[in-house]
Structures are given as structure tokens and as C-alpha cells.
Amino acid sequence: MNAIEQAYWQKFEVATDIESPLFGSSWSFGATVEMADDLGQLVLEGKKTGTSSSVVFYELEGVAFPTENKVYDILLNGSNEPIAILQTKKIKRFMFNEVTEEMARLEGEGDLSIAYWQAAHRAFFKAAFTKENLVYDEDKLALLYEEFEVVYQ
């Protein structure tokens, strides 16, 4: 946690009645500054309360899977500035083609439909797999879905 994040965290601790909150990590949505800003704004507006990520990238990066109701994460915008504190409330592992209408809606993007979700995530994951020289196979694409709550902004 850098100094800016630490200051934001301290404001969060003072402003809430959460006793000894456990810090998880700092991160932003997407792969670009624009995505981080756009998706972060959807969170601040209360439109985005869910997100999906590829299981393979957790494994490749050696990053632990998120946990339910354990830690608090700092959400960053595209300039790596803290904009909110989130807590993961629900986790579900699923295959790309198993996304539900509710999951697509809670991700808060586009027209909130499964069709939009699939098109946007297909493009995102194909690019991410290509960047890492991985074979993209939608039929074998395991994802991790998280529902989260904004606890401070």
C-alpha cells in the first residue's frame, strides 16, 4: 500500500465503525486507464456490483483467489487513485457460457444483457490471452465471479 492508499485507508477506518478491518489489496478494473475509470465510475454510481475474471490469470500470477467477507480492497481509478473500499460478498466459479442474466446485470455494463456481457468479455479475454501467448478456448474458459459491496467512498 503506497502513501496515498494508506491515507485513504486511514480515512476509511475513521469514518466507519468496522473494527480492525483487514486490508486485502489495491486494484482497478480492466486493462486500460479508460476501463479503470469507466468501470470505477459505474461502481461509484451503484450500477456495478459484480465482476468476472479468468481463473487462469490468478494461477499464472500466483495470486490468491478472493475470499467472501474477509478483507477490504481499495478500488483505484485509471490514475491509480483510491476511489472506494470494497468487500467481496459472494464468489462463484463458472464457465464463460454459464453466465446468468443476474450476473450480467450486476456487472452494470452496456445494456446489462447476457449478449452484451459475452461480447465485451469475449473481446477482453481474447486480448488478455493473446497478450500472454495463451490459447483462448471459450468452451474451457473458467471464470471467477464476485459480487461486492462498496463500504466506503
Protein backbone atom coordinates (compact mmCIF):
# COMPACT_ATOMS: atom_id res chain seq x y z
CA MET A 1 0.00 0.00 0.00
CA ASN A 2 1.53 3.31 -1.05
CA ALA A 3 1.23 6.58 0.91
CA ILE A 4 -1.89 7.79 -0.96
CA GLU A 5 -3.63 4.47 -0.41
CA GLN A 6 -2.57 4.48 3.25
CA ALA A 7 -4.09 7.92 3.77
CA TYR A 8 -7.33 6.79 2.10
CA TRP A 9 -7.38 3.66 4.25
CA GLN A 10 -6.95 5.75 7.41
CA LYS A 11 -9.91 7.95 6.39
CA PHE A 12 -11.96 4.79 5.85
CA GLU A 13 -11.04 3.47 9.31
CA VAL A 14 -12.03 6.74 10.97
CA ALA A 15 -15.28 7.10 9.02
CA THR A 16 -16.62 3.59 9.64
CA ASP A 17 -17.36 1.53 12.70
CA ILE A 18 -15.64 -1.57 11.30
CA GLU A 19 -13.34 -2.87 14.00
CA SER A 20 -9.82 -3.67 12.73
CA PRO A 21 -10.63 -4.07 9.03
CA LEU A 22 -8.23 -6.37 7.23
CA PHE A 23 -6.66 -4.92 4.06
CA GLY A 24 -6.73 -7.19 1.03
CA SER A 25 -5.24 -5.42 -1.97
CA SER A 26 -5.44 -2.35 -4.21
CA TRP A 27 -6.57 -2.81 -7.80
CA SER A 28 -8.56 -1.39 -10.68
CA PHE A 29 -10.92 -2.88 -13.24
CA GLY A 30 -9.93 -3.68 -16.81
CA ALA A 31 -6.72 -3.45 -18.74
CA THR A 32 -6.62 0.25 -19.63
CA VAL A 33 -6.82 3.62 -17.93
CA GLU A 34 -10.14 4.24 -19.66
CA MET A 35 -11.62 0.93 -18.50
CA ALA A 36 -10.48 1.55 -14.94
CA ASP A 37 -12.11 4.99 -14.97
CA ASP A 38 -15.33 3.89 -16.70
CA LEU A 39 -15.88 0.77 -14.61
CA GLY A 40 -14.85 2.53 -11.42
CA GLN A 41 -17.45 5.21 -12.14
CA LEU A 42 -20.12 2.53 -12.54
CA VAL A 43 -19.17 1.27 -9.08
CA LEU A 44 -19.41 4.75 -7.57
CA GLU A 45 -22.85 5.19 -9.17
CA GLY A 46 -24.02 1.88 -7.68
CA LYS A 47 -24.55 0.33 -11.12
CA LYS A 48 -21.70 -2.19 -10.93
CA THR A 49 -21.70 -4.64 -8.02
CA GLY A 50 -20.22 -7.66 -9.78
CA THR A 51 -17.18 -8.59 -11.80
CA SER A 52 -15.72 -11.61 -13.59
CA SER A 53 -12.11 -12.59 -14.03
CA SER A 54 -10.29 -15.51 -15.61
CA VAL A 55 -9.13 -18.24 -13.23
CA VAL A 56 -6.01 -18.84 -15.32
CA PHE A 57 -4.63 -15.37 -14.57
CA TYR A 58 -4.88 -15.89 -10.81
CA GLU A 59 -2.94 -19.11 -11.31
CA LEU A 60 -0.32 -17.61 -13.66
CA GLU A 61 0.31 -14.63 -11.39
CA GLY A 62 0.29 -16.73 -8.23
CA VAL A 63 -2.43 -14.52 -6.75
CA ALA A 64 -4.81 -15.98 -4.19
CA PHE A 65 -8.47 -16.17 -5.08
CA PRO A 66 -10.66 -13.56 -3.40
CA THR A 67 -12.49 -14.50 -0.23
CA GLU A 68 -16.01 -13.74 0.93
CA ASN A 69 -16.49 -11.24 3.77
CA LYS A 70 -12.86 -11.37 4.91
CA VAL A 71 -10.88 -8.42 3.60
CA TYR A 72 -11.42 -4.92 2.28
CA ASP A 73 -9.90 -3.86 -1.04
CA ILE A 74 -9.07 -0.40 -2.29
CA LEU A 75 -10.55 0.27 -5.72
CA LEU A 76 -8.35 2.51 -7.86
CA ASN A 77 -9.24 4.65 -10.86
CA GLY A 78 -7.19 4.84 -14.06
CA SER A 79 -4.70 7.20 -12.39
CA ASN A 80 -4.17 4.69 -9.56
CA GLU A 81 -6.00 6.93 -7.11
CA PRO A 82 -8.27 5.35 -4.47
CA ILE A 83 -11.97 5.87 -5.17
CA ALA A 84 -13.68 3.31 -2.92
CA ILE A 85 -13.25 0.48 -0.46
CA LEU A 86 -14.95 -2.75 -1.50
CA GLN A 87 -15.69 -6.04 0.22
CA THR A 88 -16.41 -9.22 -1.72
CA LYS A 89 -19.69 -10.74 -0.58
CA LYS A 90 -20.19 -13.69 -2.92
CA ILE A 91 -17.91 -15.77 -5.12
CA LYS A 92 -18.89 -18.24 -7.81
CA ARG A 93 -16.70 -20.21 -10.19
CA PHE A 94 -18.33 -20.76 -13.58
CA MET A 95 -17.63 -21.36 -17.24
CA PHE A 96 -17.86 -18.50 -19.75
CA ASN A 97 -21.06 -19.81 -21.36
CA GLU A 98 -22.77 -20.25 -17.97
CA VAL A 99 -23.17 -16.54 -17.21
CA THR A 100 -26.66 -15.76 -15.96
CA GLU A 101 -28.87 -12.76 -16.60
CA GLU A 102 -28.40 -11.66 -12.99
CA MET A 103 -24.61 -11.84 -13.22
CA ALA A 104 -24.61 -9.80 -16.45
CA ARG A 105 -26.95 -7.23 -14.90
CA LEU A 106 -24.89 -6.87 -11.72
CA GLU A 107 -21.74 -6.22 -13.75
CA GLY A 108 -23.52 -2.99 -14.73
CA GLU A 109 -22.11 -2.65 -18.23
CA GLY A 110 -23.76 -1.79 -21.54
CA ASP A 111 -27.41 -2.78 -21.81
CA LEU A 112 -26.98 -5.27 -18.91
CA SER A 113 -27.79 -8.25 -21.16
CA ILE A 114 -26.03 -11.60 -21.45
CA ALA A 115 -25.34 -10.83 -25.12
CA TYR A 116 -23.55 -7.59 -24.23
CA TRP A 117 -21.67 -9.28 -21.38
CA GLN A 118 -20.49 -12.09 -23.65
CA ALA A 119 -19.38 -9.74 -26.45
CA ALA A 120 -17.50 -7.40 -24.12
CA HIS A 121 -15.89 -10.17 -22.08
CA ARG A 122 -15.05 -12.23 -25.17
CA ALA A 123 -13.09 -9.29 -26.60
CA PHE A 124 -11.43 -8.57 -23.25
CA PHE A 125 -10.36 -12.16 -22.55
CA LYS A 126 -9.22 -12.82 -26.14
CA ALA A 127 -6.93 -9.78 -25.93
CA ALA A 128 -5.64 -10.80 -22.49
CA PHE A 129 -4.92 -14.36 -23.63
CA THR A 130 -3.19 -13.13 -26.79
CA LYS A 131 -1.03 -10.74 -24.76
CA GLU A 132 0.12 -13.67 -22.60
CA ASN A 133 0.55 -16.03 -25.59
CA LEU A 134 -2.21 -18.30 -24.29
CA VAL A 135 -4.74 -20.20 -26.38
CA TYR A 136 -8.23 -18.77 -25.99
CA ASP A 137 -10.84 -21.53 -25.80
CA GLU A 138 -14.22 -20.22 -24.73
CA ASP A 139 -15.53 -23.73 -24.05
CA LYS A 140 -12.80 -24.23 -21.43
CA LEU A 141 -12.71 -20.68 -20.06
CA ALA A 142 -13.16 -20.91 -16.28
CA LEU A 143 -14.10 -17.64 -14.63
CA LEU A 144 -14.48 -16.34 -11.12
CA TYR A 145 -17.47 -14.12 -10.46
CA GLU A 146 -17.52 -11.78 -7.47
CA GLU A 147 -20.35 -9.74 -6.05
CA PHE A 148 -19.05 -6.90 -3.94
CA GLU A 149 -20.29 -4.08 -1.77
CA VAL A 150 -18.97 -0.54 -1.56
CA VAL A 151 -18.29 0.08 2.12
CA TYR A 152 -16.63 3.49 1.76
CA GLN A 153 -16.22 6.16 -0.92
